[in-house]
Amino acid sequence: FFLYFALQAMLQGTLLLYAPTIPLEIHERLPFVSFVPDLQTALNVAKQRFPEKAHVLVFPQGGMTYPILPG
């Protein structure tokens, strides 16, 4: 799931990921993901980059969720 979602997200925007259980050495292997230290940081980054148009999706159980986005 993560790979499919990441590839789709990369095509349309920047993927900010808060995943405290993913080890730091894995972060380096995923250059297409911007890991953030907490959820508030992710929201702040989104607001900074797109002050009037930020769209944020939150998946509390992301590893077990398969989103269907409107096309």
C-alpha atoms as a PDB file:
ATOM      1  CA  PHE A   1       0.000   0.000   0.000  1.00  0.00           C
ATOM      2  CA  PHE A   2       2.628   2.535   1.030  1.00  0.00           C
ATOM      3  CA  LEU A   3       4.562   2.276  -2.214  1.00  0.00           C
ATOM      4  CA  TYR A   4       1.442   2.682  -4.363  1.00  0.00           C
ATOM      5  CA  PHE A   5       0.200   5.624  -2.297  1.00  0.00           C
ATOM      6  CA  ALA A   6       3.651   7.258  -2.289  1.00  0.00           C
ATOM      7  CA  LEU A   7       3.975   6.989  -6.051  1.00  0.00           C
ATOM      8  CA  GLN A   8       0.542   8.504  -6.586  1.00  0.00           C
ATOM      9  CA  ALA A   9       1.249  11.268  -4.079  1.00  0.00           C
ATOM     10  CA  MET A  10       4.585  12.057  -5.728  1.00  0.00           C
ATOM     11  CA  LEU A  11       2.796  12.690  -9.000  1.00  0.00           C
ATOM     12  CA  GLN A  12       0.473  15.209  -7.413  1.00  0.00           C
ATOM     13  CA  GLY A  13       2.340  16.821  -4.527  1.00  0.00           C
ATOM     14  CA  THR A  14       4.744  16.484  -1.653  1.00  0.00           C
ATOM     15  CA  LEU A  15       4.414  13.555   0.701  1.00  0.00           C
ATOM     16  CA  LEU A  16       4.951  14.534   4.339  1.00  0.00           C
ATOM     17  CA  LEU A  17       5.042  11.505   6.574  1.00  0.00           C
ATOM     18  CA  TYR A  18       4.872  11.263  10.344  1.00  0.00           C
ATOM     19  CA  ALA A  19       5.776   7.680  11.143  1.00  0.00           C
ATOM     20  CA  PRO A  20       7.601   7.393  14.461  1.00  0.00           C
ATOM     21  CA  THR A  21       7.972   3.626  14.131  1.00  0.00           C
ATOM     22  CA  ILE A  22       9.980   3.811  10.894  1.00  0.00           C
ATOM     23  CA  PRO A  23      13.696   3.761  11.803  1.00  0.00           C
ATOM     24  CA  LEU A  24      15.882   6.713  10.784  1.00  0.00           C
ATOM     25  CA  GLU A  25      18.042   4.561   8.502  1.00  0.00           C
ATOM     26  CA  ILE A  26      14.944   3.819   6.428  1.00  0.00           C
ATOM     27  CA  HIS A  27      14.259   7.565   6.030  1.00  0.00           C
ATOM     28  CA  GLU A  28      17.437   7.870   3.953  1.00  0.00           C
ATOM     29  CA  ARG A  29      16.256   5.127   1.615  1.00  0.00           C
ATOM     30  CA  LEU A  30      13.006   6.946   0.834  1.00  0.00           C
ATOM     31  CA  PRO A  31      14.094  10.210  -0.810  1.00  0.00           C
ATOM     32  CA  PHE A  32      10.592  10.826  -2.202  1.00  0.00           C
ATOM     33  CA  VAL A  33       9.177  11.187   1.325  1.00  0.00           C
ATOM     34  CA  SER A  34       9.678  14.143   3.658  1.00  0.00           C
ATOM     35  CA  PHE A  35       9.543  12.708   7.155  1.00  0.00           C
ATOM     36  CA  VAL A  36       8.341  15.098   9.855  1.00  0.00           C
ATOM     37  CA  PRO A  37       8.865  14.813  13.621  1.00  0.00           C
ATOM     38  CA  ASP A  38       5.198  15.381  14.513  1.00  0.00           C
ATOM     39  CA  LEU A  39       1.789  16.127  13.030  1.00  0.00           C
ATOM     40  CA  GLN A  40       1.905  19.833  13.835  1.00  0.00           C
ATOM     41  CA  THR A  41       5.095  20.192  11.801  1.00  0.00           C
ATOM     42  CA  ALA A  42       3.397  18.536   8.835  1.00  0.00           C
ATOM     43  CA  LEU A  43       0.466  20.941   9.070  1.00  0.00           C
ATOM     44  CA  ASN A  44       2.806  23.930   9.395  1.00  0.00           C
ATOM     45  CA  VAL A  45       4.791  22.879   6.324  1.00  0.00           C
ATOM     46  CA  ALA A  46       1.607  22.455   4.300  1.00  0.00           C
ATOM     47  CA  LYS A  47       0.290  25.865   5.376  1.00  0.00           C
ATOM     48  CA  GLN A  48       3.628  27.504   4.579  1.00  0.00           C
ATOM     49  CA  ARG A  49       3.878  26.022   1.104  1.00  0.00           C
ATOM     50  CA  PHE A  50       0.243  26.592   0.206  1.00  0.00           C
ATOM     51  CA  PRO A  51      -1.203  29.275   2.496  1.00  0.00           C
ATOM     52  CA  GLU A  52      -4.563  29.521   0.731  1.00  0.00           C
ATOM     53  CA  LYS A  53      -4.893  26.080  -0.838  1.00  0.00           C
ATOM     54  CA  ALA A  54      -3.394  23.423   1.434  1.00  0.00           C
ATOM     55  CA  HIS A  55      -5.168  20.070   1.299  1.00  0.00           C
ATOM     56  CA  VAL A  56      -4.197  17.641   4.025  1.00  0.00           C
ATOM     57  CA  LEU A  57      -5.160  13.993   4.273  1.00  0.00           C
ATOM     58  CA  VAL A  58      -4.688  12.249   7.606  1.00  0.00           C
ATOM     59  CA  PHE A  59      -4.686   8.459   7.774  1.00  0.00           C
ATOM     60  CA  PRO A  60      -4.476   7.427  11.441  1.00  0.00           C
ATOM     61  CA  GLN A  61      -4.144   3.790  10.405  1.00  0.00           C
ATOM     62  CA  GLY A  62      -2.298   4.535   7.152  1.00  0.00           C
ATOM     63  CA  GLY A  63      -0.689   1.125   6.810  1.00  0.00           C
ATOM     64  CA  MET A  64      -4.125  -0.499   6.916  1.00  0.00           C
ATOM     65  CA  THR A  65      -5.983   2.081   4.833  1.00  0.00           C
ATOM     66  CA  TYR A  66      -6.440   2.228   1.098  1.00  0.00           C
ATOM     67  CA  PRO A  67      -7.723   5.664   0.066  1.00  0.00           C
ATOM     68  CA  ILE A  68      -9.851   6.237  -2.990  1.00  0.00           C
ATOM     69  CA  LEU A  69      -9.222   9.784  -4.119  1.00  0.00           C
ATOM     70  CA  PRO A  70     -11.547  11.666  -6.442  1.00  0.00           C
ATOM     71  CA  GLY A  71     -10.010  11.865  -9.897  1.00  0.00           C
END
